[in-house]
Amino acid sequence: MTVAAAPLIAERYAVIRDEVGPGVTVVVATKYVSVEELATLAEAGVEVIGENRAQDLQAKHARYGDRFRWHFIGHLQSNKVKVVNPLCELVHSLDSDSSARRLTIPALLEVNLSGEETKSGVEPAEIGPLVEHYPLVRGLMTMPPLTDDPERSRAYFRRLRELAEEHGLAELSMGSSQDYRIAVEEGATYVRIGAVLLQR
């Protein structure tokens, strides 16, 4: 991805933050943003970066360090936890006991509500035991099936909110570029925004 100019990103970022309100953190997904292009995001005033790969996280953090707050939003392999622990303030994608045992930072459990085999995440029945054993779990995350109609995501977001309430969890990471408005209506506290903010 070649990102837009900093003034355009800043303008879009301000609009999105105004839309979601002060209780929702906008996490800017940078999977397809190069190390060099992160300078444009810094210039635009982006605050929270969501990275998908541990190797990319290391490279980007080495260059920009405290300029951003760092979240890990990709599939978390247990052997990569040691990379994520010192660099990030939150993991959105915890889905295994082996990774949970190694984490020293707060995390959200990724829940597979769609039943798609290609998606990571725990089953709803697994939430209770993981929450009980790992006090660093602060909430839940999900990714609904891809759709051209954002309204189709609503049922998944609503179900995630219900599960969080059942388990006494306050944080919800749900919603991306195409459906973040629906996610916020259903209680998201984090939205993961990429293309709608960054594309030229």
N, C-alpha and C. Protein backbone atom coordinates (compact mmCIF):
# COMPACT_ATOMS: atom_id res chain seq x y z
N MET A 1 0.84 -1.19 0.00
CA MET A 1 0.00 0.00 0.00
C MET A 1 0.88 1.25 0.00
N THR A 2 0.58 2.17 -0.88
CA THR A 2 1.19 3.49 -0.82
C THR A 2 0.20 4.41 -0.11
N VAL A 3 0.62 4.94 1.03
CA VAL A 3 -0.33 5.68 1.86
C VAL A 3 -0.56 7.08 1.33
N ALA A 4 -1.69 7.64 1.72
CA ALA A 4 -2.04 9.01 1.34
C ALA A 4 -1.10 10.01 2.02
N ALA A 5 -1.18 11.26 1.60
CA ALA A 5 -0.38 12.31 2.20
C ALA A 5 -0.84 12.57 3.63
N ALA A 6 0.08 13.05 4.46
CA ALA A 6 -0.20 13.26 5.87
C ALA A 6 -1.41 14.17 6.12
N PRO A 7 -1.58 15.29 5.41
CA PRO A 7 -2.76 16.14 5.70
C PRO A 7 -4.08 15.42 5.45
N LEU A 8 -4.14 14.57 4.41
CA LEU A 8 -5.37 13.83 4.12
C LEU A 8 -5.63 12.78 5.19
N ILE A 9 -4.58 12.07 5.61
CA ILE A 9 -4.74 11.09 6.68
C ILE A 9 -5.18 11.78 7.97
N ALA A 10 -4.57 12.93 8.27
CA ALA A 10 -4.94 13.67 9.48
C ALA A 10 -6.41 14.08 9.45
N GLU A 11 -6.88 14.51 8.29
CA GLU A 11 -8.28 14.92 8.14
C GLU A 11 -9.22 13.73 8.34
N ARG A 12 -8.89 12.61 7.70
CA ARG A 12 -9.72 11.41 7.85
C ARG A 12 -9.69 10.90 9.29
N TYR A 13 -8.52 10.93 9.90
CA TYR A 13 -8.35 10.45 11.27
C TYR A 13 -9.22 11.26 12.23
N ALA A 14 -9.24 12.57 12.04
CA ALA A 14 -10.05 13.43 12.89
C ALA A 14 -11.54 13.11 12.73
N VAL A 15 -11.97 12.86 11.50
CA VAL A 15 -13.37 12.53 11.25
C VAL A 15 -13.74 11.21 11.93
N ILE A 16 -12.88 10.20 11.77
CA ILE A 16 -13.16 8.89 12.36
C ILE A 16 -13.19 8.97 13.88
N ARG A 17 -12.24 9.67 14.45
CA ARG A 17 -12.22 9.80 15.91
C ARG A 17 -13.45 10.53 16.42
N ASP A 18 -13.91 11.50 15.67
CA ASP A 18 -15.12 12.21 16.04
C ASP A 18 -16.34 11.28 15.95
N GLU A 19 -16.36 10.44 14.91
CA GLU A 19 -17.47 9.50 14.72
C GLU A 19 -17.55 8.49 15.87
N VAL A 20 -16.41 7.94 16.25
CA VAL A 20 -16.43 6.85 17.23
C VAL A 20 -16.55 7.36 18.66
N GLY A 21 -16.13 8.59 18.90
CA GLY A 21 -16.26 9.18 20.23
C GLY A 21 -15.07 8.89 21.13
N PRO A 22 -15.01 9.57 22.26
CA PRO A 22 -13.83 9.50 23.13
C PRO A 22 -13.63 8.16 23.83
N GLY A 23 -14.68 7.34 23.90
CA GLY A 23 -14.54 6.05 24.58
C GLY A 23 -14.02 4.93 23.73
N VAL A 24 -13.71 5.22 22.46
CA VAL A 24 -13.24 4.19 21.53
C VAL A 24 -11.84 4.55 21.04
N THR A 25 -10.92 3.60 21.12
CA THR A 25 -9.56 3.80 20.62
C THR A 25 -9.48 3.37 19.17
N VAL A 26 -8.98 4.26 18.32
CA VAL A 26 -8.77 3.94 16.91
C VAL A 26 -7.37 3.34 16.77
N VAL A 27 -7.33 2.06 16.42
CA VAL A 27 -6.07 1.35 16.21
C VAL A 27 -5.83 1.31 14.69
N VAL A 28 -4.75 1.92 14.25
CA VAL A 28 -4.47 2.00 12.81
C VAL A 28 -3.67 0.76 12.40
N ALA A 29 -4.31 -0.07 11.56
CA ALA A 29 -3.70 -1.33 11.13
C ALA A 29 -2.66 -1.05 10.04
N THR A 30 -1.42 -1.47 10.28
CA THR A 30 -0.32 -1.10 9.38
C THR A 30 0.36 -2.31 8.73
N LYS A 31 -0.40 -3.37 8.54
CA LYS A 31 0.16 -4.58 7.94
C LYS A 31 0.83 -4.30 6.60
N TYR A 32 0.23 -3.41 5.79
CA TYR A 32 0.75 -3.13 4.46
C TYR A 32 1.45 -1.78 4.36
N VAL A 33 1.82 -1.23 5.50
CA VAL A 33 2.52 0.06 5.53
C VAL A 33 3.99 -0.20 5.83
N SER A 34 4.85 0.36 5.01
CA SER A 34 6.29 0.13 5.18
C SER A 34 6.83 0.91 6.37
N VAL A 35 8.03 0.53 6.80
CA VAL A 35 8.70 1.25 7.88
C VAL A 35 8.82 2.74 7.54
N GLU A 36 9.22 3.03 6.32
CA GLU A 36 9.41 4.42 5.90
C GLU A 36 8.09 5.20 5.92
N GLU A 37 7.00 4.55 5.49
CA GLU A 37 5.72 5.24 5.40
C GLU A 37 5.10 5.53 6.76
N LEU A 38 5.58 4.87 7.80
CA LEU A 38 5.07 5.19 9.14
C LEU A 38 5.37 6.63 9.52
N ALA A 39 6.38 7.22 8.91
CA ALA A 39 6.69 8.62 9.18
C ALA A 39 5.51 9.51 8.81
N THR A 40 4.81 9.15 7.73
CA THR A 40 3.64 9.92 7.30
C THR A 40 2.53 9.82 8.35
N LEU A 41 2.35 8.64 8.92
CA LEU A 41 1.33 8.46 9.95
C LEU A 41 1.69 9.26 11.20
N ALA A 42 2.97 9.28 11.54
CA ALA A 42 3.39 10.09 12.68
C ALA A 42 3.10 11.56 12.44
N GLU A 43 3.40 12.03 11.23
CA GLU A 43 3.14 13.42 10.87
C GLU A 43 1.65 13.74 10.93
N ALA A 44 0.81 12.75 10.59
CA ALA A 44 -0.64 12.94 10.58
C ALA A 44 -1.26 12.90 11.97
N GLY A 45 -0.48 12.55 12.97
CA GLY A 45 -1.00 12.54 14.34
C GLY A 45 -1.58 11.23 14.80
N VAL A 46 -1.36 10.15 14.04
CA VAL A 46 -1.84 8.82 14.46
C VAL A 46 -1.16 8.44 15.78
N GLU A 47 -1.93 7.87 16.68
CA GLU A 47 -1.41 7.58 18.02
C GLU A 47 -1.16 6.09 18.27
N VAL A 48 -2.10 5.23 17.81
CA VAL A 48 -2.01 3.80 18.15
C VAL A 48 -1.86 2.99 16.87
N ILE A 49 -0.81 2.19 16.80
CA ILE A 49 -0.51 1.34 15.65
C ILE A 49 -0.85 -0.11 16.00
N GLY A 50 -1.50 -0.81 15.07
CA GLY A 50 -1.78 -2.23 15.23
C GLY A 50 -0.98 -3.02 14.21
N GLU A 51 -0.09 -3.87 14.69
CA GLU A 51 0.78 -4.61 13.78
C GLU A 51 0.43 -6.09 13.79
N ASN A 52 0.57 -6.74 12.63
CA ASN A 52 0.17 -8.13 12.46
C ASN A 52 1.30 -9.14 12.62
N ARG A 53 2.51 -8.72 12.34
CA ARG A 53 3.63 -9.67 12.35
C ARG A 53 4.70 -9.21 13.33
N ALA A 54 5.21 -10.17 14.11
CA ALA A 54 6.21 -9.84 15.13
C ALA A 54 7.46 -9.24 14.50
N GLN A 55 7.87 -9.77 13.36
CA GLN A 55 9.09 -9.27 12.71
C GLN A 55 8.91 -7.81 12.28
N ASP A 56 7.74 -7.49 11.70
CA ASP A 56 7.47 -6.12 11.29
C ASP A 56 7.35 -5.20 12.51
N LEU A 57 6.75 -5.70 13.56
CA LEU A 57 6.64 -4.93 14.80
C LEU A 57 8.04 -4.54 15.29
N GLN A 58 8.95 -5.48 15.30
CA GLN A 58 10.31 -5.18 15.75
C GLN A 58 10.96 -4.10 14.91
N ALA A 59 10.85 -4.24 13.59
CA ALA A 59 11.49 -3.28 12.69
C ALA A 59 10.90 -1.88 12.84
N LYS A 60 9.58 -1.81 12.94
CA LYS A 60 8.92 -0.50 13.03
C LYS A 60 9.16 0.14 14.39
N HIS A 61 9.11 -0.67 15.44
CA HIS A 61 9.35 -0.14 16.77
C HIS A 61 10.79 0.35 16.91
N ALA A 62 11.72 -0.34 16.29
CA ALA A 62 13.12 0.08 16.36
C ALA A 62 13.32 1.47 15.78
N ARG A 63 12.51 1.81 14.77
CA ARG A 63 12.64 3.12 14.11
C ARG A 63 11.84 4.20 14.86
N TYR A 64 10.66 3.85 15.35
CA TYR A 64 9.75 4.89 15.86
C TYR A 64 9.50 4.85 17.37
N GLY A 65 9.81 3.71 17.99
CA GLY A 65 9.74 3.61 19.44
C GLY A 65 8.52 4.24 20.08
N ASP A 66 8.74 5.22 20.93
CA ASP A 66 7.66 5.82 21.71
C ASP A 66 6.82 6.82 20.92
N ARG A 67 7.10 6.98 19.65
CA ARG A 67 6.28 7.90 18.85
C ARG A 67 4.84 7.40 18.74
N PHE A 68 4.66 6.09 18.79
CA PHE A 68 3.33 5.49 18.75
C PHE A 68 3.12 4.62 19.99
N ARG A 69 1.85 4.33 20.27
CA ARG A 69 1.52 3.23 21.17
C ARG A 69 1.29 2.01 20.27
N TRP A 70 1.79 0.86 20.70
CA TRP A 70 1.82 -0.32 19.84
C TRP A 70 0.90 -1.41 20.35
N HIS A 71 0.06 -1.92 19.44
CA HIS A 71 -0.80 -3.06 19.73
C HIS A 71 -0.45 -4.18 18.75
N PHE A 72 -0.62 -5.42 19.18
CA PHE A 72 -0.43 -6.55 18.28
C PHE A 72 -1.80 -7.11 17.93
N ILE A 73 -2.12 -7.15 16.63
CA ILE A 73 -3.46 -7.54 16.20
C ILE A 73 -3.47 -8.79 15.32
N GLY A 74 -2.30 -9.33 14.99
CA GLY A 74 -2.22 -10.52 14.15
C GLY A 74 -2.25 -11.80 14.96
N HIS A 75 -2.24 -12.93 14.27
CA HIS A 75 -2.22 -14.22 14.96
C HIS A 75 -0.96 -14.32 15.82
N LEU A 76 -1.13 -14.61 17.10
CA LEU A 76 -0.02 -14.63 18.04
C LEU A 76 0.48 -16.05 18.26
N GLN A 77 1.62 -16.37 17.65
CA GLN A 77 2.26 -17.66 17.90
C GLN A 77 2.99 -17.60 19.24
N SER A 78 2.95 -18.70 19.98
CA SER A 78 3.52 -18.67 21.32
C SER A 78 5.02 -18.33 21.31
N ASN A 79 5.73 -18.71 20.23
CA ASN A 79 7.16 -18.42 20.18
C ASN A 79 7.46 -16.96 19.84
N LYS A 80 6.42 -16.19 19.52
CA LYS A 80 6.61 -14.76 19.21
C LYS A 80 6.22 -13.87 20.39
N VAL A 81 5.68 -14.46 21.45
CA VAL A 81 5.23 -13.66 22.59
C VAL A 81 6.39 -12.87 23.18
N LYS A 82 7.58 -13.46 23.18
CA LYS A 82 8.73 -12.77 23.77
C LYS A 82 9.09 -11.50 23.01
N VAL A 83 8.73 -11.42 21.74
CA VAL A 83 8.94 -10.21 20.96
C VAL A 83 7.89 -9.16 21.32
N VAL A 84 6.66 -9.60 21.48
CA VAL A 84 5.54 -8.70 21.69
C VAL A 84 5.53 -8.10 23.10
N ASN A 85 5.88 -8.89 24.10
CA ASN A 85 5.79 -8.44 25.50
C ASN A 85 6.43 -7.08 25.77
N PRO A 86 7.68 -6.85 25.37
CA PRO A 86 8.31 -5.58 25.73
C PRO A 86 7.93 -4.39 24.85
N LEU A 87 7.25 -4.64 23.73
CA LEU A 87 7.00 -3.58 22.77
C LEU A 87 5.56 -3.08 22.75
N CYS A 88 4.62 -3.91 23.14
CA CYS A 88 3.20 -3.57 22.99
C CYS A 88 2.51 -3.32 24.33
N GLU A 89 1.43 -2.53 24.27
CA GLU A 89 0.63 -2.31 25.47
C GLU A 89 -0.57 -3.24 25.52
N LEU A 90 -0.92 -3.84 24.36
CA LEU A 90 -2.09 -4.71 24.31
C LEU A 90 -2.00 -5.68 23.14
N VAL A 91 -2.42 -6.92 23.38
CA VAL A 91 -2.58 -7.92 22.32
C VAL A 91 -4.07 -8.12 22.08
N HIS A 92 -4.50 -8.06 20.82
CA HIS A 92 -5.91 -8.21 20.49
C HIS A 92 -6.28 -9.65 20.11
N SER A 93 -5.31 -10.54 20.01
CA SER A 93 -5.53 -11.79 19.28
C SER A 93 -5.04 -13.03 20.03
N LEU A 94 -5.20 -13.03 21.34
CA LEU A 94 -4.83 -14.20 22.13
C LEU A 94 -5.82 -15.33 21.85
N ASP A 95 -5.31 -16.51 21.51
CA ASP A 95 -6.23 -17.62 21.22
C ASP A 95 -5.69 -18.98 21.67
N SER A 96 -4.71 -18.98 22.58
CA SER A 96 -4.20 -20.27 23.03
C SER A 96 -3.66 -20.17 24.46
N ASP A 97 -3.76 -21.29 25.15
CA ASP A 97 -3.23 -21.39 26.51
C ASP A 97 -1.72 -21.21 26.51
N SER A 98 -1.04 -21.75 25.50
CA SER A 98 0.43 -21.68 25.47
C SER A 98 0.90 -20.23 25.34
N SER A 99 0.22 -19.43 24.53
CA SER A 99 0.58 -18.01 24.43
C SER A 99 0.22 -17.26 25.70
N ALA A 100 -0.93 -17.57 26.27
CA ALA A 100 -1.37 -16.88 27.49
C ALA A 100 -0.38 -17.07 28.63
N ARG A 101 0.20 -18.26 28.72
CA ARG A 101 1.16 -18.53 29.80
C ARG A 101 2.40 -17.67 29.68
N ARG A 102 2.73 -17.23 28.48
CA ARG A 102 3.95 -16.45 28.25
C ARG A 102 3.73 -14.94 28.27
N LEU A 103 2.47 -14.51 28.17
CA LEU A 103 2.18 -13.07 28.09
C LEU A 103 2.40 -12.38 29.43
N THR A 104 2.96 -11.18 29.35
CA THR A 104 3.12 -10.34 30.54
C THR A 104 2.40 -9.00 30.37
N ILE A 105 1.64 -8.85 29.29
CA ILE A 105 0.90 -7.62 29.02
C ILE A 105 -0.58 -7.95 28.86
N PRO A 106 -1.46 -6.97 29.01
CA PRO A 106 -2.90 -7.23 28.85
C PRO A 106 -3.24 -7.75 27.46
N ALA A 107 -4.32 -8.52 27.40
CA ALA A 107 -4.70 -9.14 26.12
C ALA A 107 -6.21 -9.24 26.01
N LEU A 108 -6.65 -9.36 24.77
CA LEU A 108 -8.03 -9.66 24.45
C LEU A 108 -8.07 -11.04 23.82
N LEU A 109 -9.05 -11.83 24.17
CA LEU A 109 -9.22 -13.15 23.57
C LEU A 109 -9.88 -13.01 22.21
N GLU A 110 -9.29 -13.61 21.20
CA GLU A 110 -9.93 -13.65 19.89
C GLU A 110 -10.94 -14.78 19.89
N VAL A 111 -12.19 -14.46 19.56
CA VAL A 111 -13.27 -15.44 19.57
C VAL A 111 -13.74 -15.67 18.13
N ASN A 112 -13.78 -16.93 17.73
CA ASN A 112 -14.25 -17.28 16.39
C ASN A 112 -15.76 -17.52 16.46
N LEU A 113 -16.52 -16.49 16.14
CA LEU A 113 -17.98 -16.59 16.20
C LEU A 113 -18.59 -17.08 14.90
N SER A 114 -17.84 -17.02 13.82
CA SER A 114 -18.38 -17.39 12.51
C SER A 114 -18.22 -18.87 12.22
N GLY A 115 -17.35 -19.55 12.98
CA GLY A 115 -17.09 -20.96 12.73
C GLY A 115 -16.26 -21.23 11.49
N GLU A 116 -15.68 -20.17 10.92
CA GLU A 116 -14.85 -20.35 9.72
C GLU A 116 -13.52 -21.00 10.09
N GLU A 117 -13.19 -22.07 9.40
CA GLU A 117 -11.96 -22.81 9.71
C GLU A 117 -10.71 -22.01 9.41
N THR A 118 -10.83 -21.04 8.50
CA THR A 118 -9.65 -20.25 8.14
C THR A 118 -9.34 -19.17 9.17
N LYS A 119 -10.23 -18.99 10.13
CA LYS A 119 -10.03 -17.93 11.14
C LYS A 119 -9.51 -18.52 12.44
N SER A 120 -8.64 -17.74 13.08
CA SER A 120 -8.16 -18.10 14.41
C SER A 120 -9.23 -17.76 15.43
N GLY A 121 -8.97 -18.14 16.67
CA GLY A 121 -9.88 -17.76 17.74
C GLY A 121 -10.38 -18.94 18.53
N VAL A 122 -10.77 -18.67 19.77
CA VAL A 122 -11.30 -19.70 20.65
C VAL A 122 -12.81 -19.82 20.44
N GLU A 123 -13.36 -20.93 20.86
CA GLU A 123 -14.80 -21.11 20.86
C GLU A 123 -15.38 -20.37 22.07
N PRO A 124 -16.62 -19.92 21.99
CA PRO A 124 -17.22 -19.23 23.14
C PRO A 124 -17.11 -20.01 24.45
N ALA A 125 -17.21 -21.33 24.38
CA ALA A 125 -17.14 -22.14 25.61
C ALA A 125 -15.77 -22.10 26.27
N GLU A 126 -14.75 -21.71 25.52
CA GLU A 126 -13.39 -21.67 26.06
C GLU A 126 -13.08 -20.36 26.79
N ILE A 127 -13.95 -19.37 26.66
CA ILE A 127 -13.66 -18.06 27.24
C ILE A 127 -13.53 -18.14 28.76
N GLY A 128 -14.50 -18.78 29.41
CA GLY A 128 -14.52 -18.83 30.87
C GLY A 128 -13.24 -19.35 31.49
N PRO A 129 -12.77 -20.55 31.09
CA PRO A 129 -11.55 -21.08 31.69
C PRO A 129 -10.33 -20.19 31.46
N LEU A 130 -10.22 -19.59 30.27
CA LEU A 130 -9.07 -18.72 30.00
C LEU A 130 -9.11 -17.45 30.83
N VAL A 131 -10.29 -16.88 30.97
CA VAL A 131 -10.44 -15.68 31.80
C VAL A 131 -10.11 -16.00 33.26
N GLU A 132 -10.55 -17.16 33.70
CA GLU A 132 -10.32 -17.56 35.10
C GLU A 132 -8.83 -17.75 35.39
N HIS A 133 -8.10 -18.30 34.43
CA HIS A 133 -6.69 -18.63 34.66
C HIS A 133 -5.75 -17.47 34.35
N TYR A 134 -6.19 -16.53 33.55
CA TYR A 134 -5.27 -15.47 33.09
C TYR A 134 -5.88 -14.10 33.34
N PRO A 135 -5.52 -13.49 34.47
CA PRO A 135 -6.12 -12.19 34.82
C PRO A 135 -5.73 -11.05 33.88
N LEU A 136 -4.75 -11.27 33.02
CA LEU A 136 -4.38 -10.23 32.05
C LEU A 136 -5.37 -10.13 30.89
N VAL A 137 -6.32 -11.08 30.81
CA VAL A 137 -7.35 -10.99 29.77
C VAL A 137 -8.35 -9.91 30.16
N ARG A 138 -8.45 -8.88 29.31
CA ARG A 138 -9.29 -7.71 29.62
C ARG A 138 -10.56 -7.63 28.77
N GLY A 139 -10.64 -8.45 27.72
CA GLY A 139 -11.80 -8.35 26.85
C GLY A 139 -11.73 -9.34 25.71
N LEU A 140 -12.54 -9.08 24.69
CA LEU A 140 -12.68 -10.01 23.57
C LEU A 140 -12.49 -9.28 22.23
N MET A 141 -12.12 -10.06 21.23
CA MET A 141 -12.00 -9.55 19.87
C MET A 141 -12.62 -10.56 18.92
N THR A 142 -13.20 -10.08 17.82
CA THR A 142 -13.67 -10.99 16.77
C THR A 142 -13.55 -10.33 15.41
N MET A 143 -13.56 -11.18 14.39
CA MET A 143 -13.58 -10.74 13.00
C MET A 143 -14.74 -11.45 12.31
N PRO A 144 -15.78 -10.73 11.96
CA PRO A 144 -16.92 -11.37 11.28
C PRO A 144 -16.56 -11.76 9.85
N PRO A 145 -17.39 -12.56 9.20
CA PRO A 145 -17.11 -12.90 7.80
C PRO A 145 -17.07 -11.66 6.91
N LEU A 146 -16.22 -11.70 5.90
CA LEU A 146 -16.16 -10.59 4.95
C LEU A 146 -17.50 -10.42 4.25
N THR A 147 -17.91 -9.17 4.12
CA THR A 147 -19.18 -8.89 3.48
C THR A 147 -19.17 -7.49 2.90
N ASP A 148 -19.96 -7.27 1.87
CA ASP A 148 -20.10 -5.92 1.31
C ASP A 148 -21.12 -5.10 2.07
N ASP A 149 -21.89 -5.77 2.94
CA ASP A 149 -22.94 -5.09 3.69
C ASP A 149 -22.55 -5.03 5.17
N PRO A 150 -22.11 -3.88 5.65
CA PRO A 150 -21.67 -3.78 7.05
C PRO A 150 -22.71 -4.25 8.05
N GLU A 151 -23.99 -4.09 7.71
CA GLU A 151 -25.06 -4.47 8.63
C GLU A 151 -25.01 -5.97 8.96
N ARG A 152 -24.46 -6.76 8.06
CA ARG A 152 -24.37 -8.21 8.31
C ARG A 152 -23.39 -8.55 9.44
N SER A 153 -22.53 -7.60 9.78
CA SER A 153 -21.59 -7.83 10.88
C SER A 153 -22.23 -7.63 12.25
N ARG A 154 -23.39 -6.97 12.28
CA ARG A 154 -23.97 -6.56 13.56
C ARG A 154 -24.21 -7.72 14.51
N ALA A 155 -24.75 -8.81 14.00
CA ALA A 155 -25.07 -9.95 14.88
C ALA A 155 -23.82 -10.50 15.56
N TYR A 156 -22.70 -10.50 14.84
CA TYR A 156 -21.45 -11.00 15.43
C TYR A 156 -20.94 -10.04 16.51
N PHE A 157 -21.03 -8.75 16.24
CA PHE A 157 -20.59 -7.77 17.23
C PHE A 157 -21.48 -7.82 18.47
N ARG A 158 -22.77 -7.95 18.26
CA ARG A 158 -23.70 -8.01 19.39
C ARG A 158 -23.44 -9.24 20.24
N ARG A 159 -23.19 -10.38 19.59
CA ARG A 159 -22.90 -11.61 20.32
C ARG A 159 -21.61 -11.48 21.12
N LEU A 160 -20.60 -10.83 20.55
CA LEU A 160 -19.34 -10.64 21.28
C LEU A 160 -19.57 -9.78 22.52
N ARG A 161 -20.37 -8.75 22.39
CA ARG A 161 -20.68 -7.90 23.54
C ARG A 161 -21.39 -8.70 24.63
N GLU A 162 -22.32 -9.54 24.23
CA GLU A 162 -23.04 -10.36 25.20
C GLU A 162 -22.08 -11.30 25.93
N LEU A 163 -21.16 -11.90 25.19
CA LEU A 163 -20.18 -12.80 25.80
C LEU A 163 -19.28 -12.05 26.77
N ALA A 164 -18.86 -10.86 26.39
CA ALA A 164 -18.02 -10.05 27.28
C ALA A 164 -18.77 -9.73 28.57
N GLU A 165 -20.03 -9.37 28.44
CA GLU A 165 -20.84 -9.06 29.62
C GLU A 165 -21.00 -10.29 30.52
N GLU A 166 -21.19 -11.45 29.90
CA GLU A 166 -21.35 -12.70 30.67
C GLU A 166 -20.12 -12.98 31.52
N HIS A 167 -18.94 -12.60 31.00
CA HIS A 167 -17.69 -12.93 31.68
C HIS A 167 -17.07 -11.74 32.40
N GLY A 168 -17.81 -10.64 32.49
CA GLY A 168 -17.34 -9.48 33.23
C GLY A 168 -16.16 -8.77 32.60
N LEU A 169 -16.11 -8.77 31.28
CA LEU A 169 -15.00 -8.16 30.55
C LEU A 169 -15.44 -6.84 29.94
N ALA A 170 -14.58 -5.82 30.05
CA ALA A 170 -14.98 -4.47 29.68
C ALA A 170 -14.58 -4.07 28.26
N GLU A 171 -13.56 -4.74 27.69
CA GLU A 171 -13.01 -4.25 26.43
C GLU A 171 -13.48 -5.11 25.24
N LEU A 172 -13.78 -4.45 24.12
CA LEU A 172 -14.21 -5.13 22.90
C LEU A 172 -13.47 -4.56 21.70
N SER A 173 -12.70 -5.39 21.02
CA SER A 173 -12.03 -4.99 19.78
C SER A 173 -12.79 -5.62 18.63
N MET A 174 -13.49 -4.76 17.88
CA MET A 174 -14.30 -5.28 16.77
C MET A 174 -14.60 -4.13 15.82
N GLY A 175 -14.64 -4.47 14.56
CA GLY A 175 -14.91 -3.46 13.55
C GLY A 175 -13.63 -3.04 12.84
N SER A 176 -13.71 -2.96 11.52
CA SER A 176 -12.59 -2.50 10.72
C SER A 176 -13.11 -1.48 9.71
N SER A 177 -12.34 -1.21 8.67
CA SER A 177 -12.68 -0.10 7.78
C SER A 177 -14.12 -0.13 7.27
N GLN A 178 -14.62 -1.34 6.96
CA GLN A 178 -15.94 -1.40 6.33
C GLN A 178 -17.10 -1.39 7.31
N ASP A 179 -16.85 -1.74 8.58
CA ASP A 179 -17.99 -1.89 9.49
C ASP A 179 -17.77 -1.30 10.89
N TYR A 180 -16.81 -0.38 11.00
CA TYR A 180 -16.50 0.13 12.34
C TYR A 180 -17.66 0.90 12.96
N ARG A 181 -18.48 1.55 12.12
CA ARG A 181 -19.60 2.31 12.68
C ARG A 181 -20.61 1.37 13.36
N ILE A 182 -20.86 0.23 12.73
CA ILE A 182 -21.76 -0.78 13.32
C ILE A 182 -21.14 -1.31 14.62
N ALA A 183 -19.83 -1.55 14.60
CA ALA A 183 -19.15 -2.07 15.79
C ALA A 183 -19.29 -1.11 16.97
N VAL A 184 -19.14 0.18 16.70
CA VAL A 184 -19.26 1.17 17.77
C VAL A 184 -20.68 1.19 18.32
N GLU A 185 -21.67 1.08 17.45
CA GLU A 185 -23.06 1.03 17.90
C GLU A 185 -23.30 -0.16 18.83
N GLU A 186 -22.53 -1.23 18.61
CA GLU A 186 -22.71 -2.45 19.40
C GLU A 186 -21.74 -2.54 20.59
N GLY A 187 -20.98 -1.48 20.84
CA GLY A 187 -20.19 -1.44 22.07
C GLY A 187 -18.69 -1.58 21.94
N ALA A 188 -18.14 -1.47 20.74
CA ALA A 188 -16.68 -1.58 20.58
C ALA A 188 -15.97 -0.53 21.43
N THR A 189 -14.85 -0.94 22.02
CA THR A 189 -13.96 0.02 22.68
C THR A 189 -12.67 0.21 21.89
N TYR A 190 -12.42 -0.68 20.93
CA TYR A 190 -11.32 -0.54 19.97
C TYR A 190 -11.86 -0.85 18.58
N VAL A 191 -11.49 -0.04 17.58
CA VAL A 191 -11.75 -0.37 16.19
C VAL A 191 -10.42 -0.39 15.46
N ARG A 192 -10.28 -1.31 14.51
CA ARG A 192 -9.02 -1.51 13.78
C ARG A 192 -9.20 -0.99 12.35
N ILE A 193 -8.62 0.15 12.06
CA ILE A 193 -8.87 0.86 10.81
C ILE A 193 -7.63 0.82 9.93
N GLY A 194 -7.83 0.49 8.64
CA GLY A 194 -6.71 0.48 7.71
C GLY A 194 -7.00 1.30 6.47
N ALA A 195 -7.54 0.62 5.45
CA ALA A 195 -7.66 1.20 4.11
C ALA A 195 -8.44 2.51 4.10
N VAL A 196 -9.55 2.59 4.82
CA VAL A 196 -10.40 3.77 4.76
C VAL A 196 -9.66 5.03 5.24
N LEU A 197 -8.65 4.82 6.05
CA LEU A 197 -7.85 5.93 6.55
C LEU A 197 -6.61 6.21 5.70
N LEU A 198 -6.00 5.14 5.20
CA LEU A 198 -4.65 5.27 4.65
C LEU A 198 -4.55 5.32 3.14
N GLN A 199 -5.49 4.73 2.44
CA GLN A 199 -5.34 4.63 0.99
C GLN A 199 -5.40 5.99 0.30
N ARG A 200 -4.65 6.09 -0.78
CA ARG A 200 -4.67 7.32 -1.60
C ARG A 200 -6.01 7.48 -2.28
